[in-house]
Amino acid sequence: MRTLLRSSLPIAATFFLSIGIVSAQKDPPPPPRPGAPTTETPRAYRVKDLLGTKVSLKGDLAIGTVDDVVISDAGAVEYLIVANDGKLVTVPWAAAKFDFEKRTATLSITEDQYKVIPTYTVREYPTFFEPAYRGRVYGWYGLNPRPWLPFR
């Protein structure tokens, strides 16, 4: 019996040691739930990082560059102003999908949709926050304007 215990001791020690090592390894954390807050710190981008960003439509059709950014008096970023050959176009912020590292933005509308959007020049800026204009601009991109929140 003593011989059996002595010969089993190294096997038992190895077994319990391996169980301890396996149980000490932690399972990877579960993936975050969709819409759940993340613990990652957001990266900050400055307006001057956006100016000059190349803007294109679906299919990589270049339509211009970001010339300006319109911010409401409540501090919300509302529009991008896209410039191309002296003509300007108002684009709702929500309509642009940015790749900040590549300095590109893509609008998810077609070339035909883009052709019907009116342009203007620096001499004739629209009244950006006039309700009818906001509704038309957002409608061109298939979006609804977010509720108007005046500065308080």
C-alpha atoms as a PDB file:
ATOM      1  CA  MET A   1       0.000   0.000   0.000  1.00  0.00           C
ATOM      2  CA  ARG A   2       2.883   2.314   0.835  1.00  0.00           C
ATOM      3  CA  THR A   3       4.385   1.658  -2.556  1.00  0.00           C
ATOM      4  CA  LEU A   4       1.085   2.459  -4.213  1.00  0.00           C
ATOM      5  CA  LEU A   5       0.833   5.783  -2.355  1.00  0.00           C
ATOM      6  CA  ARG A   6       4.441   6.709  -3.199  1.00  0.00           C
ATOM      7  CA  SER A   7       3.959   5.954  -6.878  1.00  0.00           C
ATOM      8  CA  SER A   8       0.618   7.772  -6.992  1.00  0.00           C
ATOM      9  CA  LEU A   9       1.895  10.896  -5.246  1.00  0.00           C
ATOM     10  CA  PRO A  10       3.672  12.434  -8.276  1.00  0.00           C
ATOM     11  CA  ILE A  11       0.654  11.724 -10.470  1.00  0.00           C
ATOM     12  CA  ALA A  12      -1.758  13.255  -7.951  1.00  0.00           C
ATOM     13  CA  ALA A  13       0.468  16.318  -7.476  1.00  0.00           C
ATOM     14  CA  THR A  14       0.677  16.838 -11.236  1.00  0.00           C
ATOM     15  CA  PHE A  15      -3.094  16.455 -11.536  1.00  0.00           C
ATOM     16  CA  PHE A  16      -3.916  18.965  -8.785  1.00  0.00           C
ATOM     17  CA  LEU A  17      -1.252  21.376  -9.990  1.00  0.00           C
ATOM     18  CA  SER A  18      -2.693  21.291 -13.519  1.00  0.00           C
ATOM     19  CA  ILE A  19      -6.229  21.857 -12.179  1.00  0.00           C
ATOM     20  CA  GLY A  20      -4.941  24.876 -10.260  1.00  0.00           C
ATOM     21  CA  ILE A  21      -3.260  26.283 -13.364  1.00  0.00           C
ATOM     22  CA  VAL A  22      -6.337  25.752 -15.515  1.00  0.00           C
ATOM     23  CA  SER A  23      -8.699  27.266 -12.952  1.00  0.00           C
ATOM     24  CA  ALA A  24      -6.357  30.253 -12.464  1.00  0.00           C
ATOM     25  CA  GLN A  25      -6.694  31.122 -16.161  1.00  0.00           C
ATOM     26  CA  LYS A  26      -9.520  33.596 -16.610  1.00  0.00           C
ATOM     27  CA  ASP A  27     -12.103  33.292 -19.305  1.00  0.00           C
ATOM     28  CA  PRO A  28     -12.042  36.209 -21.727  1.00  0.00           C
ATOM     29  CA  PRO A  29     -14.630  38.861 -20.917  1.00  0.00           C
ATOM     30  CA  PRO A  30     -17.863  38.575 -22.867  1.00  0.00           C
ATOM     31  CA  PRO A  31     -18.266  40.930 -25.817  1.00  0.00           C
ATOM     32  CA  PRO A  32     -20.128  44.153 -25.009  1.00  0.00           C
ATOM     33  CA  ARG A  33     -23.865  44.196 -25.605  1.00  0.00           C
ATOM     34  CA  PRO A  34     -24.942  46.254 -28.618  1.00  0.00           C
ATOM     35  CA  GLY A  35     -25.609  49.787 -27.453  1.00  0.00           C
ATOM     36  CA  ALA A  36     -23.913  49.233 -24.095  1.00  0.00           C
ATOM     37  CA  PRO A  37     -21.497  51.949 -22.969  1.00  0.00           C
ATOM     38  CA  THR A  38     -17.849  51.146 -23.569  1.00  0.00           C
ATOM     39  CA  THR A  39     -14.940  51.799 -21.277  1.00  0.00           C
ATOM     40  CA  GLU A  40     -12.795  53.075 -24.132  1.00  0.00           C
ATOM     41  CA  THR A  41     -11.885  56.725 -23.982  1.00  0.00           C
ATOM     42  CA  PRO A  42     -13.260  58.542 -27.036  1.00  0.00           C
ATOM     43  CA  ARG A  43     -10.762  60.230 -29.273  1.00  0.00           C
ATOM     44  CA  ALA A  44     -11.082  63.973 -29.775  1.00  0.00           C
ATOM     45  CA  TYR A  45     -11.133  65.538 -33.227  1.00  0.00           C
ATOM     46  CA  ARG A  46     -10.848  69.241 -33.840  1.00  0.00           C
ATOM     47  CA  VAL A  47     -12.670  71.195 -36.522  1.00  0.00           C
ATOM     48  CA  LYS A  48      -9.402  72.036 -38.225  1.00  0.00           C
ATOM     49  CA  ASP A  49      -8.807  68.274 -38.558  1.00  0.00           C
ATOM     50  CA  LEU A  50     -12.048  68.069 -40.581  1.00  0.00           C
ATOM     51  CA  LEU A  51     -11.450  71.011 -42.889  1.00  0.00           C
ATOM     52  CA  GLY A  52     -10.174  69.779 -46.237  1.00  0.00           C
ATOM     53  CA  THR A  53     -11.505  66.251 -45.653  1.00  0.00           C
ATOM     54  CA  LYS A  54     -12.372  64.648 -48.996  1.00  0.00           C
ATOM     55  CA  VAL A  55     -16.076  63.913 -49.383  1.00  0.00           C
ATOM     56  CA  SER A  56     -17.451  61.254 -51.707  1.00  0.00           C
ATOM     57  CA  LEU A  57     -20.681  59.475 -52.516  1.00  0.00           C
ATOM     58  CA  LYS A  58     -21.367  55.754 -52.639  1.00  0.00           C
ATOM     59  CA  GLY A  59     -19.000  54.190 -55.134  1.00  0.00           C
ATOM     60  CA  ASP A  60     -16.136  56.605 -54.347  1.00  0.00           C
ATOM     61  CA  LEU A  61     -17.407  59.454 -56.518  1.00  0.00           C
ATOM     62  CA  ALA A  62     -15.557  62.532 -55.199  1.00  0.00           C
ATOM     63  CA  ILE A  63     -17.822  65.552 -54.705  1.00  0.00           C
ATOM     64  CA  GLY A  64     -15.552  68.000 -52.881  1.00  0.00           C
ATOM     65  CA  THR A  65     -13.986  68.775 -49.535  1.00  0.00           C
ATOM     66  CA  VAL A  66     -15.210  69.965 -46.164  1.00  0.00           C
ATOM     67  CA  ASP A  67     -14.967  73.761 -46.305  1.00  0.00           C
ATOM     68  CA  ASP A  68     -16.737  74.698 -43.077  1.00  0.00           C
ATOM     69  CA  VAL A  69     -18.711  73.359 -40.111  1.00  0.00           C
ATOM     70  CA  VAL A  70     -21.966  74.910 -38.857  1.00  0.00           C
ATOM     71  CA  ILE A  71     -22.633  74.780 -35.109  1.00  0.00           C
ATOM     72  CA  SER A  72     -25.909  75.834 -33.480  1.00  0.00           C
ATOM     73  CA  ASP A  73     -25.995  78.382 -30.690  1.00  0.00           C
ATOM     74  CA  ALA A  74     -26.679  75.414 -28.368  1.00  0.00           C
ATOM     75  CA  GLY A  75     -23.255  74.040 -29.333  1.00  0.00           C
ATOM     76  CA  ALA A  76     -24.448  71.123 -31.478  1.00  0.00           C
ATOM     77  CA  VAL A  77     -22.613  70.349 -34.713  1.00  0.00           C
ATOM     78  CA  GLU A  78     -25.375  70.586 -37.300  1.00  0.00           C
ATOM     79  CA  TYR A  79     -23.883  70.709 -40.809  1.00  0.00           C
ATOM     80  CA  LEU A  80     -20.812  70.321 -42.941  1.00  0.00           C
ATOM     81  CA  ILE A  81     -20.351  72.719 -45.822  1.00  0.00           C
ATOM     82  CA  VAL A  82     -18.873  70.847 -48.791  1.00  0.00           C
ATOM     83  CA  ALA A  83     -17.101  72.898 -51.462  1.00  0.00           C
ATOM     84  CA  ASN A  84     -16.506  71.937 -55.077  1.00  0.00           C
ATOM     85  CA  ASP A  85     -15.500  74.332 -57.874  1.00  0.00           C
ATOM     86  CA  GLY A  86     -16.811  77.428 -56.059  1.00  0.00           C
ATOM     87  CA  LYS A  87     -20.168  75.826 -55.249  1.00  0.00           C
ATOM     88  CA  LEU A  88     -21.212  74.933 -51.704  1.00  0.00           C
ATOM     89  CA  VAL A  89     -23.579  72.233 -50.462  1.00  0.00           C
ATOM     90  CA  THR A  90     -25.061  71.821 -46.975  1.00  0.00           C
ATOM     91  CA  VAL A  91     -24.681  68.306 -45.540  1.00  0.00           C
ATOM     92  CA  PRO A  92     -26.214  67.281 -42.197  1.00  0.00           C
ATOM     93  CA  TRP A  93     -23.529  66.044 -39.818  1.00  0.00           C
ATOM     94  CA  ALA A  94     -25.444  62.769 -39.397  1.00  0.00           C
ATOM     95  CA  ALA A  95     -25.292  62.103 -43.162  1.00  0.00           C
ATOM     96  CA  ALA A  96     -21.485  61.840 -43.256  1.00  0.00           C
ATOM     97  CA  LYS A  97     -19.592  58.717 -42.235  1.00  0.00           C
ATOM     98  CA  PHE A  98     -16.024  59.670 -41.401  1.00  0.00           C
ATOM     99  CA  ASP A  99     -12.755  57.809 -41.628  1.00  0.00           C
ATOM    100  CA  PHE A 100     -10.715  60.272 -39.604  1.00  0.00           C
ATOM    101  CA  GLU A 101      -7.392  58.529 -40.175  1.00  0.00           C
ATOM    102  CA  LYS A 102      -7.797  58.662 -43.968  1.00  0.00           C
ATOM    103  CA  ARG A 103      -9.375  62.150 -43.830  1.00  0.00           C
ATOM    104  CA  THR A 104     -12.370  61.034 -45.854  1.00  0.00           C
ATOM    105  CA  ALA A 105     -16.143  61.232 -45.447  1.00  0.00           C
ATOM    106  CA  THR A 106     -18.753  59.290 -47.372  1.00  0.00           C
ATOM    107  CA  LEU A 107     -22.362  60.262 -47.962  1.00  0.00           C
ATOM    108  CA  SER A 108     -24.764  57.368 -48.430  1.00  0.00           C
ATOM    109  CA  ILE A 109     -26.706  58.881 -51.304  1.00  0.00           C
ATOM    110  CA  THR A 110     -26.457  58.252 -55.035  1.00  0.00           C
ATOM    111  CA  GLU A 111     -25.112  60.578 -57.689  1.00  0.00           C
ATOM    112  CA  ASP A 112     -28.660  61.169 -58.982  1.00  0.00           C
ATOM    113  CA  GLN A 113     -29.825  62.154 -55.493  1.00  0.00           C
ATOM    114  CA  TYR A 114     -26.851  64.482 -55.094  1.00  0.00           C
ATOM    115  CA  LYS A 115     -27.522  66.232 -58.420  1.00  0.00           C
ATOM    116  CA  VAL A 116     -30.876  67.598 -57.208  1.00  0.00           C
ATOM    117  CA  ILE A 117     -29.440  69.207 -54.067  1.00  0.00           C
ATOM    118  CA  PRO A 118     -29.219  72.975 -54.600  1.00  0.00           C
ATOM    119  CA  THR A 119     -25.840  74.658 -54.315  1.00  0.00           C
ATOM    120  CA  TYR A 120     -24.948  78.191 -53.263  1.00  0.00           C
ATOM    121  CA  THR A 121     -21.882  80.430 -53.037  1.00  0.00           C
ATOM    122  CA  VAL A 122     -20.248  82.401 -50.242  1.00  0.00           C
ATOM    123  CA  ARG A 123     -22.304  85.417 -51.351  1.00  0.00           C
ATOM    124  CA  GLU A 124     -25.650  83.714 -50.762  1.00  0.00           C
ATOM    125  CA  TYR A 125     -25.502  81.516 -47.659  1.00  0.00           C
ATOM    126  CA  PRO A 126     -28.855  79.996 -46.697  1.00  0.00           C
ATOM    127  CA  THR A 127     -30.564  80.534 -43.357  1.00  0.00           C
ATOM    128  CA  PHE A 128     -29.338  77.245 -41.899  1.00  0.00           C
ATOM    129  CA  PHE A 129     -31.747  76.997 -38.975  1.00  0.00           C
ATOM    130  CA  GLU A 130     -34.912  78.156 -40.703  1.00  0.00           C
ATOM    131  CA  PRO A 131     -37.311  75.200 -40.163  1.00  0.00           C
ATOM    132  CA  ALA A 132     -38.272  74.726 -43.831  1.00  0.00           C
ATOM    133  CA  TYR A 133     -34.624  74.788 -44.937  1.00  0.00           C
ATOM    134  CA  ARG A 134     -33.578  72.307 -42.234  1.00  0.00           C
ATOM    135  CA  GLY A 135     -36.409  69.967 -43.254  1.00  0.00           C
ATOM    136  CA  ARG A 136     -35.426  70.104 -46.938  1.00  0.00           C
ATOM    137  CA  VAL A 137     -31.707  69.596 -46.255  1.00  0.00           C
ATOM    138  CA  TYR A 138     -32.251  66.594 -44.002  1.00  0.00           C
ATOM    139  CA  GLY A 139     -34.819  65.200 -46.453  1.00  0.00           C
ATOM    140  CA  TRP A 140     -32.298  65.263 -49.319  1.00  0.00           C
ATOM    141  CA  TYR A 141     -30.180  62.822 -47.315  1.00  0.00           C
ATOM    142  CA  GLY A 142     -33.107  60.684 -46.134  1.00  0.00           C
ATOM    143  CA  LEU A 143     -32.874  61.942 -42.542  1.00  0.00           C
ATOM    144  CA  ASN A 144     -35.164  63.710 -40.109  1.00  0.00           C
ATOM    145  CA  PRO A 145     -33.796  66.785 -38.360  1.00  0.00           C
ATOM    146  CA  ARG A 146     -33.216  66.287 -34.685  1.00  0.00           C
ATOM    147  CA  PRO A 147     -35.385  68.421 -32.414  1.00  0.00           C
ATOM    148  CA  TRP A 148     -34.392  72.030 -32.204  1.00  0.00           C
ATOM    149  CA  LEU A 149     -32.782  72.756 -28.834  1.00  0.00           C
ATOM    150  CA  PRO A 150     -32.207  76.475 -28.330  1.00  0.00           C
ATOM    151  CA  PHE A 151     -29.304  77.586 -26.166  1.00  0.00           C
ATOM    152  CA  ARG A 152     -30.242  78.002 -22.517  1.00  0.00           C
END
